[in-house]
C-alpha atoms as a PDB file:
ATOM      1  CA  MET A   1     -74.626  40.267 -61.390  1.00  0.00           C
ATOM      2  CA  ALA A   2     -73.846  39.440 -57.453  1.00  0.00           C
ATOM      3  CA  GLU A   3     -75.629  37.126 -55.734  1.00  0.00           C
ATOM      4  CA  GLU A   4     -77.258  38.309 -52.545  1.00  0.00           C
ATOM      5  CA  GLU A   5     -76.729  36.653 -49.656  1.00  0.00           C
ATOM      6  CA  PRO A   6     -79.369  34.428 -47.819  1.00  0.00           C
ATOM      7  CA  ARG A   7     -81.401  36.409 -45.375  1.00  0.00           C
ATOM      8  CA  ALA A   8     -83.732  35.130 -42.317  1.00  0.00           C
ATOM      9  CA  VAL A   9     -85.820  37.120 -39.933  1.00  0.00           C
ATOM     10  CA  LYS A  10     -85.465  37.446 -36.621  1.00  0.00           C
ATOM     11  CA  TYR A  11     -88.565  38.611 -34.732  1.00  0.00           C
ATOM     12  CA  VAL A  12     -87.568  40.608 -31.498  1.00  0.00           C
ATOM     13  CA  LEU A  13     -90.145  41.216 -28.751  1.00  0.00           C
ATOM     14  CA  THR A  14     -89.833  44.764 -27.359  1.00  0.00           C
ATOM     15  CA  GLY A  15     -91.147  45.595 -23.884  1.00  0.00           C
ATOM     16  CA  SER A  16     -93.141  42.980 -22.166  1.00  0.00           C
ATOM     17  CA  GLY A  17     -97.255  42.320 -21.709  1.00  0.00           C
ATOM     18  CA  LYS A  18     -99.898  43.625 -23.715  1.00  0.00           C
ATOM     19  CA  GLY A  19     -98.103  46.198 -25.433  1.00  0.00           C
ATOM     20  CA  ALA A  20     -95.304  44.445 -26.825  1.00  0.00           C
ATOM     21  CA  MET A  21     -93.933  45.576 -30.042  1.00  0.00           C
ATOM     22  CA  LYS A  22     -92.639  42.932 -32.786  1.00  0.00           C
ATOM     23  CA  VAL A  23     -89.353  44.203 -34.151  1.00  0.00           C
ATOM     24  CA  ILE A  24     -88.258  42.508 -37.802  1.00  0.00           C
ATOM     25  CA  GLU A  25     -84.492  42.271 -37.771  1.00  0.00           C
ATOM     26  CA  TRP A  26     -82.948  41.362 -40.933  1.00  0.00           C
ATOM     27  CA  THR A  27     -79.455  38.898 -39.927  1.00  0.00           C
ATOM     28  CA  GLN A  28     -77.302  36.879 -42.372  1.00  0.00           C
ATOM     29  CA  LEU A  29     -77.771  33.458 -42.712  1.00  0.00           C
ATOM     30  CA  ASN A  30     -74.155  32.438 -44.219  1.00  0.00           C
ATOM     31  CA  THR A  31     -71.404  34.482 -43.448  1.00  0.00           C
ATOM     32  CA  ARG A  32     -68.899  31.938 -44.723  1.00  0.00           C
ATOM     33  CA  ALA A  33     -67.023  32.709 -47.858  1.00  0.00           C
ATOM     34  CA  ARG A  34     -68.271  31.219 -50.686  1.00  0.00           C
ATOM     35  CA  ALA A  35     -66.985  27.966 -52.272  1.00  0.00           C
ATOM     36  CA  VAL A  36     -65.293  27.949 -55.308  1.00  0.00           C
ATOM     37  CA  PRO A  37     -67.466  27.048 -58.462  1.00  0.00           C
ATOM     38  CA  GLN A  38     -67.205  22.848 -59.625  1.00  0.00           C
ATOM     39  CA  PRO A  39     -66.231  22.433 -63.080  1.00  0.00           C
ATOM     40  CA  ALA A  40     -68.835  20.905 -65.161  1.00  0.00           C
ATOM     41  CA  ALA A  41     -68.696  16.833 -65.457  1.00  0.00           C
ATOM     42  CA  THR A  42     -66.683  15.334 -67.929  1.00  0.00           C
ATOM     43  CA  PRO A  43     -69.656  13.979 -70.271  1.00  0.00           C
ATOM     44  CA  LEU A  44     -70.678  16.939 -70.713  1.00  0.00           C
ATOM     45  CA  VAL A  45     -67.860  18.884 -71.618  1.00  0.00           C
ATOM     46  CA  TRP A  46     -67.181  16.250 -73.935  1.00  0.00           C
ATOM     47  CA  SER A  47     -70.939  16.459 -75.442  1.00  0.00           C
ATOM     48  CA  ALA A  48     -70.441  20.321 -75.669  1.00  0.00           C
ATOM     49  CA  ALA A  49     -67.040  19.316 -77.732  1.00  0.00           C
ATOM     50  CA  PHE A  50     -68.717  17.347 -79.701  1.00  0.00           C
ATOM     51  CA  VAL A  51     -71.754  19.302 -80.947  1.00  0.00           C
ATOM     52  CA  GLY A  52     -69.498  22.451 -81.084  1.00  0.00           C
ATOM     53  CA  ALA A  53     -66.645  21.277 -83.665  1.00  0.00           C
ATOM     54  CA  LEU A  54     -69.193  19.451 -85.316  1.00  0.00           C
ATOM     55  CA  LEU A  55     -71.277  22.732 -85.897  1.00  0.00           C
ATOM     56  CA  LEU A  56     -67.669  25.104 -86.053  1.00  0.00           C
ATOM     57  CA  ILE A  57     -66.644  22.497 -89.321  1.00  0.00           C
ATOM     58  CA  VAL A  58     -69.885  23.360 -90.511  1.00  0.00           C
ATOM     59  CA  VAL A  59     -70.508  26.259 -90.301  1.00  0.00           C
ATOM     60  CA  LEU A  60     -66.470  26.841 -91.654  1.00  0.00           C
ATOM     61  CA  ASN A  61     -67.717  24.626 -95.051  1.00  0.00           C
ATOM     62  CA  LEU A  62     -70.664  26.573 -95.318  1.00  0.00           C
ATOM     63  CA  LEU A  63     -68.465  29.832 -95.806  1.00  0.00           C
ATOM     64  CA  GLY A  64     -66.210  28.376 -98.023  1.00  0.00           C
ATOM     65  CA  GLY A  65     -62.883  27.314 -95.603  1.00  0.00           C
ATOM     66  CA  GLY A  66     -63.711  23.804 -95.227  1.00  0.00           C
ATOM     67  CA  HIS A  67     -60.277  23.112 -97.072  1.00  0.00           C
ATOM     68  CA  ARG A  68     -58.298  25.228 -94.980  1.00  0.00           C
ATOM     69  CA  PRO A  69     -57.059  23.473 -91.973  1.00  0.00           C
ATOM     70  CA  THR A  70     -55.267  26.297 -90.666  1.00  0.00           C
ATOM     71  CA  LEU A  71     -57.880  28.164 -90.077  1.00  0.00           C
ATOM     72  CA  ALA A  72     -60.282  25.087 -88.924  1.00  0.00           C
ATOM     73  CA  LEU A  73     -57.586  24.492 -86.499  1.00  0.00           C
ATOM     74  CA  LEU A  74     -57.022  28.106 -84.837  1.00  0.00           C
ATOM     75  CA  LEU A  75     -61.069  27.662 -84.670  1.00  0.00           C
ATOM     76  CA  LEU A  76     -61.128  24.187 -83.062  1.00  0.00           C
ATOM     77  CA  SER A  77     -58.268  25.640 -80.270  1.00  0.00           C
ATOM     78  CA  LEU A  78     -60.738  28.643 -79.334  1.00  0.00           C
ATOM     79  CA  LEU A  79     -63.382  26.208 -79.056  1.00  0.00           C
ATOM     80  CA  SER A  80     -61.277  24.026 -76.792  1.00  0.00           C
ATOM     81  CA  ALA A  81     -59.855  26.659 -74.817  1.00  0.00           C
ATOM     82  CA  LEU A  82     -63.452  27.523 -74.394  1.00  0.00           C
ATOM     83  CA  LEU A  83     -64.676  24.378 -73.149  1.00  0.00           C
ATOM     84  CA  GLY A  84     -61.913  23.877 -71.480  1.00  0.00           C
ATOM     85  CA  LEU A  85     -62.861  27.249 -69.026  1.00  0.00           C
ATOM     86  CA  TRP A  86     -65.709  25.234 -67.664  1.00  0.00           C
ATOM     87  CA  ALA A  87     -64.027  21.593 -67.561  1.00  0.00           C
ATOM     88  CA  ARG A  88     -62.147  19.680 -65.463  1.00  0.00           C
ATOM     89  CA  LEU A  89     -58.099  18.509 -66.082  1.00  0.00           C
ATOM     90  CA  VAL A  90     -59.220  15.107 -66.942  1.00  0.00           C
ATOM     91  CA  ALA A  91     -61.655  15.916 -69.725  1.00  0.00           C
ATOM     92  CA  ALA A  92     -58.850  17.704 -71.338  1.00  0.00           C
ATOM     93  CA  PRO A  93     -57.328  14.861 -73.252  1.00  0.00           C
ATOM     94  CA  GLY A  94     -61.240  13.850 -74.893  1.00  0.00           C
ATOM     95  CA  THR A  95     -61.932  17.450 -75.858  1.00  0.00           C
ATOM     96  CA  ALA A  96     -58.790  17.628 -78.103  1.00  0.00           C
ATOM     97  CA  ALA A  97     -59.236  14.334 -79.601  1.00  0.00           C
ATOM     98  CA  LEU A  98     -62.972  14.888 -80.642  1.00  0.00           C
ATOM     99  CA  CYS A  99     -61.927  18.368 -82.119  1.00  0.00           C
ATOM    100  CA  TRP A 100     -58.878  16.498 -83.860  1.00  0.00           C
ATOM    101  CA  LEU A 101     -61.513  13.981 -84.923  1.00  0.00           C
ATOM    102  CA  PHE A 102     -63.472  16.871 -86.508  1.00  0.00           C
ATOM    103  CA  LEU A 103     -60.493  18.542 -87.906  1.00  0.00           C
ATOM    104  CA  ASN A 104     -58.800  15.800 -89.523  1.00  0.00           C
ATOM    105  CA  GLY A 105     -61.990  13.810 -90.927  1.00  0.00           C
ATOM    106  CA  PHE A 106     -63.840  17.164 -92.563  1.00  0.00           C
ATOM    107  CA  THR A 107     -61.132  19.573 -93.314  1.00  0.00           C
ATOM    108  CA  ILE A 108     -58.674  17.407 -94.832  1.00  0.00           C
ATOM    109  CA  PRO A 109     -59.275  15.341 -98.149  1.00  0.00           C
ATOM    110  CA  PRO A 110     -60.704  13.289 -98.681  1.00  0.00           C
ATOM    111  CA  ALA A 111     -63.728  14.122 -96.504  1.00  0.00           C
ATOM    112  CA  GLY A 112     -64.779  11.829 -93.921  1.00  0.00           C
ATOM    113  CA  GLU A 113     -61.813   9.734 -93.756  1.00  0.00           C
ATOM    114  CA  ILE A 114     -59.485   9.432 -90.847  1.00  0.00           C
ATOM    115  CA  ASN A 115     -56.185   9.682 -91.113  1.00  0.00           C
ATOM    116  CA  TRP A 116     -52.517   9.584 -89.769  1.00  0.00           C
ATOM    117  CA  ALA A 117     -49.956  11.953 -90.972  1.00  0.00           C
ATOM    118  CA  GLY A 118     -47.415  11.872 -88.373  1.00  0.00           C
ATOM    119  CA  HIS A 119     -46.178  14.850 -87.402  1.00  0.00           C
ATOM    120  CA  ARG A 120     -49.065  16.946 -88.586  1.00  0.00           C
ATOM    121  CA  ASP A 121     -51.245  15.525 -86.661  1.00  0.00           C
ATOM    122  CA  THR A 122     -49.446  15.161 -83.606  1.00  0.00           C
ATOM    123  CA  ALA A 123     -48.626  18.523 -84.026  1.00  0.00           C
ATOM    124  CA  TRP A 124     -52.499  19.284 -84.310  1.00  0.00           C
ATOM    125  CA  LEU A 125     -53.324  16.801 -81.052  1.00  0.00           C
ATOM    126  CA  ALA A 126     -50.514  18.736 -79.433  1.00  0.00           C
ATOM    127  CA  CYS A 127     -52.170  22.598 -79.924  1.00  0.00           C
ATOM    128  CA  LEU A 128     -55.779  21.337 -79.067  1.00  0.00           C
ATOM    129  CA  LEU A 129     -54.420  19.490 -76.264  1.00  0.00           C
ATOM    130  CA  ALA A 130     -52.410  22.764 -75.145  1.00  0.00           C
ATOM    131  CA  ALA A 131     -55.576  25.028 -74.993  1.00  0.00           C
ATOM    132  CA  ALA A 132     -57.671  22.708 -73.421  1.00  0.00           C
ATOM    133  CA  VAL A 133     -55.372  22.858 -70.637  1.00  0.00           C
ATOM    134  CA  ALA A 134     -54.334  26.214 -70.868  1.00  0.00           C
ATOM    135  CA  GLY A 135     -58.582  26.808 -70.606  1.00  0.00           C
ATOM    136  CA  THR A 136     -58.369  24.730 -67.470  1.00  0.00           C
ATOM    137  CA  ALA A 137     -55.704  26.205 -66.027  1.00  0.00           C
ATOM    138  CA  LEU A 138     -56.697  29.963 -66.741  1.00  0.00           C
ATOM    139  CA  ALA A 139     -60.058  29.045 -65.172  1.00  0.00           C
ATOM    140  CA  ARG A 140     -58.317  27.608 -61.928  1.00  0.00           C
ATOM    141  CA  VAL A 141     -56.411  30.356 -61.512  1.00  0.00           C
ATOM    142  CA  VAL A 142     -59.081  33.028 -61.612  1.00  0.00           C
ATOM    143  CA  ASN A 143     -61.647  31.021 -59.282  1.00  0.00           C
ATOM    144  CA  ALA A 144     -58.364  30.573 -56.990  1.00  0.00           C
ATOM    145  CA  ARG A 145     -57.603  34.325 -57.070  1.00  0.00           C
ATOM    146  CA  ALA A 146     -61.027  35.101 -56.472  1.00  0.00           C
ATOM    147  CA  ALA A 147     -61.822  32.987 -53.663  1.00  0.00           C
ATOM    148  CA  TYR A 148     -58.463  34.181 -52.121  1.00  0.00           C
ATOM    149  CA  ARG A 149     -59.791  37.786 -52.252  1.00  0.00           C
ATOM    150  CA  ARG A 150     -62.674  36.649 -50.605  1.00  0.00           C
ATOM    151  CA  VAL A 151     -61.149  34.774 -47.918  1.00  0.00           C
ATOM    152  CA  THR A 152     -58.713  37.728 -46.879  1.00  0.00           C
ATOM    153  CA  PRO A 153     -59.994  40.714 -44.907  1.00  0.00           C
ATOM    154  CA  TRP A 154     -59.311  43.778 -46.235  1.00  0.00           C
ATOM    155  CA  THR A 155     -56.898  45.772 -44.645  1.00  0.00           C
ATOM    156  CA  PRO A 156     -54.708  48.354 -46.586  1.00  0.00           C
ATOM    157  CA  ASP A 157     -51.406  48.455 -46.315  1.00  0.00           C
ATOM    158  CA  GLN A 158     -49.092  52.133 -47.272  1.00  0.00           C
ATOM    159  CA  GLY A 159     -49.784  51.589 -50.645  1.00  0.00           C
ATOM    160  CA  GLY A 160     -53.861  51.379 -50.498  1.00  0.00           C
ATOM    161  CA  ARG A 161     -53.790  47.487 -51.548  1.00  0.00           C
ATOM    162  CA  ARG A 162     -54.947  44.726 -49.142  1.00  0.00           C
ATOM    163  CA  ALA A 163     -52.511  43.967 -46.705  1.00  0.00           C
ATOM    164  CA  GLY A 164     -50.543  40.768 -48.066  1.00  0.00           C
ATOM    165  CA  ASP A 165     -51.897  40.603 -51.519  1.00  0.00           C
ATOM    166  CA  PRO A 166     -49.398  38.533 -53.492  1.00  0.00           C
ATOM    167  CA  TRP A 167     -51.340  39.772 -56.305  1.00  0.00           C
ATOM    168  CA  GLY A 168     -50.775  43.493 -55.815  1.00  0.00           C
ATOM    169  CA  ASP A 169     -54.178  44.357 -57.076  1.00  0.00           C
END
């Protein structure tokens, strides 16, 4: 749902003297372009990563997929990407690390122990980090494109598109 611009009431007196009428005229308070949305604070994103990964692993274990690390990696990568949509880029390594801790600690036997298995864990961390960075990059591109479209005036060119629009919509 689009936000409505704030409005102010301006009273205009028409005529003079005793028979003057008040006319209400609505005017825009803010006609500037809206700012690009600010990303969520990093501690908030990391808290969401902790709770989300915990819940995801618990549900996965309850459904019987607790010892299927590939499925858990896929689901935790999706969680990292979703959290990346609302996060700053500096939150990506922490988000990936938190997801990896739950992946390593609760889907690889023995459960509850963190271990390092060289190439496997490096690949898992890289996958989780790439997902978080991809989510953040996607959000920045979408927000930048929306801000560009708000600021650029619409003057159609020969194809009916916005003149000078590099996106070609």
